[in-house]
Structure formats: C-alpha cells, structure tokens
C-alpha cells in the first residue's frame, strides 16, 4: 500500500549552537516548516533527529502540538518535516 524511500541527500550531522548569531542557521530559531511537499497530500516526509551527545539546553519545539523536547544522548524524535511547524530554542 505504501512506498517508503530513504532520502539520502537529507542525511546530515547538525551541530547546534547556543546562539543564532554565530552560525548560518538562523531559520532554525524561528517557527518554520521545511520543503515543498506539504502541498501534496499523498506525500509525507519524516525527519528523525537523534541526539548523540549530552544536552540540557537546546530544545526542539512544536508550537501547534504544544510540546517541546530537550533531546539528550540516545533520545530521538521523528516528525512530518513538511507539515509540523517547529523551531529550536535554548
């Protein structure tokens, strides 16, 4: 019924920062969605974030769902990359 495909070009290692002023990822600190597939109801793209180091400060927030997560070593979360509004905060 479903076709599940890995999007290898989306694989990345991201190092978060305590400031949006010392990196090029300022968009991550504002409410946003990613990618164009939210306009196509049959296509869903899920992103998974896996924390590989200890973290007590930086949170991934989902304002529509009223949840935020402070992922630390070994924690993970997956969400609809094109539909779930999300942002980082510290």
C-alpha atoms as a PDB file:
ATOM      1  CA  UNK A   1       0.000   0.000   0.000  1.00  0.00           C
ATOM      2  CA  UNK A   2       2.815   2.413   0.882  1.00  0.00           C
ATOM      3  CA  UNK A   3       6.157   3.071  -0.714  1.00  0.00           C
ATOM      4  CA  UNK A   4       8.802   4.103   1.815  1.00  0.00           C
ATOM      5  CA  UNK A   5      12.033   5.563   0.485  1.00  0.00           C
ATOM      6  CA  UNK A   6      15.078   6.985   2.209  1.00  0.00           C
ATOM      7  CA  UNK A   7      16.123  10.446   1.041  1.00  0.00           C
ATOM      8  CA  UNK A   8      19.884  10.109   1.409  1.00  0.00           C
ATOM      9  CA  UNK A   9      20.533  13.732   0.478  1.00  0.00           C
ATOM     10  CA  UNK A  10      18.720  14.738   3.708  1.00  0.00           C
ATOM     11  CA  UNK A  11      21.112  12.772   5.935  1.00  0.00           C
ATOM     12  CA  UNK A  12      23.273  15.196   7.888  1.00  0.00           C
ATOM     13  CA  UNK A  13      25.082  15.805  11.109  1.00  0.00           C
ATOM     14  CA  UNK A  14      23.985  19.081  12.636  1.00  0.00           C
ATOM     15  CA  UNK A  15      25.827  20.757  15.485  1.00  0.00           C
ATOM     16  CA  UNK A  16      23.539  23.141  17.345  1.00  0.00           C
ATOM     17  CA  UNK A  17      24.709  26.389  18.836  1.00  0.00           C
ATOM     18  CA  UNK A  18      23.636  28.479  21.820  1.00  0.00           C
ATOM     19  CA  UNK A  19      23.175  31.489  19.588  1.00  0.00           C
ATOM     20  CA  UNK A  20      21.581  32.224  16.239  1.00  0.00           C
ATOM     21  CA  UNK A  21      24.192  34.940  15.663  1.00  0.00           C
ATOM     22  CA  UNK A  22      27.280  32.732  15.258  1.00  0.00           C
ATOM     23  CA  UNK A  23      26.010  30.299  12.639  1.00  0.00           C
ATOM     24  CA  UNK A  24      24.210  30.307   9.328  1.00  0.00           C
ATOM     25  CA  UNK A  25      21.126  28.507  10.641  1.00  0.00           C
ATOM     26  CA  UNK A  26      19.070  31.451  11.926  1.00  0.00           C
ATOM     27  CA  UNK A  27      15.947  29.967  10.336  1.00  0.00           C
ATOM     28  CA  UNK A  28      16.023  27.097  12.841  1.00  0.00           C
ATOM     29  CA  UNK A  29      15.286  29.556  15.653  1.00  0.00           C
ATOM     30  CA  UNK A  30      12.083  30.831  14.018  1.00  0.00           C
ATOM     31  CA  UNK A  31       8.813  28.939  13.517  1.00  0.00           C
ATOM     32  CA  UNK A  32       9.065  27.120  10.182  1.00  0.00           C
ATOM     33  CA  UNK A  33       8.315  24.090   8.069  1.00  0.00           C
ATOM     34  CA  UNK A  34      10.734  22.616   5.547  1.00  0.00           C
ATOM     35  CA  UNK A  35      10.316  21.607   1.940  1.00  0.00           C
ATOM     36  CA  UNK A  36       7.532  21.860  -0.624  1.00  0.00           C
ATOM     37  CA  UNK A  37       5.780  18.521  -0.077  1.00  0.00           C
ATOM     38  CA  UNK A  38       3.169  19.889   2.338  1.00  0.00           C
ATOM     39  CA  UNK A  39       1.184  20.889  -0.762  1.00  0.00           C
ATOM     40  CA  UNK A  40       0.899  17.246  -1.895  1.00  0.00           C
ATOM     41  CA  UNK A  41      -1.418  15.344   0.447  1.00  0.00           C
ATOM     42  CA  UNK A  42      -0.197  11.892  -0.586  1.00  0.00           C
ATOM     43  CA  UNK A  43       3.485  12.659   0.127  1.00  0.00           C
ATOM     44  CA  UNK A  44       4.846  12.668   3.650  1.00  0.00           C
ATOM     45  CA  UNK A  45       8.470  13.299   4.553  1.00  0.00           C
ATOM     46  CA  UNK A  46       9.507  12.430   8.093  1.00  0.00           C
ATOM     47  CA  UNK A  47      12.692  13.705   9.639  1.00  0.00           C
ATOM     48  CA  UNK A  48      14.260  11.944  12.587  1.00  0.00           C
ATOM     49  CA  UNK A  49      16.581  13.726  14.970  1.00  0.00           C
ATOM     50  CA  UNK A  50      18.892  11.591  17.094  1.00  0.00           C
ATOM     51  CA  UNK A  51      20.897  13.225  19.889  1.00  0.00           C
ATOM     52  CA  UNK A  52      24.440  11.878  20.023  1.00  0.00           C
ATOM     53  CA  UNK A  53      25.802  13.991  22.892  1.00  0.00           C
ATOM     54  CA  UNK A  54      24.544  15.196  26.260  1.00  0.00           C
ATOM     55  CA  UNK A  55      22.246  18.241  26.094  1.00  0.00           C
ATOM     56  CA  UNK A  56      20.465  20.200  28.809  1.00  0.00           C
ATOM     57  CA  UNK A  57      19.815  23.455  26.980  1.00  0.00           C
ATOM     58  CA  UNK A  58      18.635  23.286  23.375  1.00  0.00           C
ATOM     59  CA  UNK A  59      15.025  22.239  22.777  1.00  0.00           C
ATOM     60  CA  UNK A  60      13.099  21.341  19.643  1.00  0.00           C
ATOM     61  CA  UNK A  61       9.621  22.855  19.900  1.00  0.00           C
ATOM     62  CA  UNK A  62       6.360  22.124  18.109  1.00  0.00           C
ATOM     63  CA  UNK A  63       4.025  25.060  18.903  1.00  0.00           C
ATOM     64  CA  UNK A  64       0.874  23.665  17.254  1.00  0.00           C
ATOM     65  CA  UNK A  65       1.161  20.467  19.293  1.00  0.00           C
ATOM     66  CA  UNK A  66       2.255  22.416  22.381  1.00  0.00           C
ATOM     67  CA  UNK A  67       5.238  20.139  23.003  1.00  0.00           C
ATOM     68  CA  UNK A  68       8.941  20.728  23.243  1.00  0.00           C
ATOM     69  CA  UNK A  69      11.738  18.228  23.660  1.00  0.00           C
ATOM     70  CA  UNK A  70      15.205  18.609  25.114  1.00  0.00           C
ATOM     71  CA  UNK A  71      16.847  15.684  23.376  1.00  0.00           C
ATOM     72  CA  UNK A  72      19.943  14.328  25.058  1.00  0.00           C
ATOM     73  CA  UNK A  73      22.278  11.451  24.230  1.00  0.00           C
ATOM     74  CA  UNK A  74      20.296   8.496  22.883  1.00  0.00           C
ATOM     75  CA  UNK A  75      16.956  10.348  22.573  1.00  0.00           C
ATOM     76  CA  UNK A  76      15.233  10.712  19.233  1.00  0.00           C
ATOM     77  CA  UNK A  77      12.140  12.225  17.664  1.00  0.00           C
ATOM     78  CA  UNK A  78      10.514  11.975  14.239  1.00  0.00           C
ATOM     79  CA  UNK A  79       8.087  14.467  12.734  1.00  0.00           C
ATOM     80  CA  UNK A  80       6.475  15.449   9.447  1.00  0.00           C
ATOM     81  CA  UNK A  81       9.171  17.686   8.022  1.00  0.00           C
ATOM     82  CA  UNK A  82       6.826  19.487   5.615  1.00  0.00           C
ATOM     83  CA  UNK A  83       3.784  19.991   7.834  1.00  0.00           C
ATOM     84  CA  UNK A  84       4.788  20.207  11.505  1.00  0.00           C
ATOM     85  CA  UNK A  85       5.765  23.749  12.436  1.00  0.00           C
ATOM     86  CA  UNK A  86       8.928  23.511  14.516  1.00  0.00           C
ATOM     87  CA  UNK A  87      11.866  25.546  15.795  1.00  0.00           C
ATOM     88  CA  UNK A  88      14.818  25.371  18.147  1.00  0.00           C
ATOM     89  CA  UNK A  89      15.175  27.320  21.365  1.00  0.00           C
ATOM     90  CA  UNK A  90      17.569  27.439  24.281  1.00  0.00           C
END
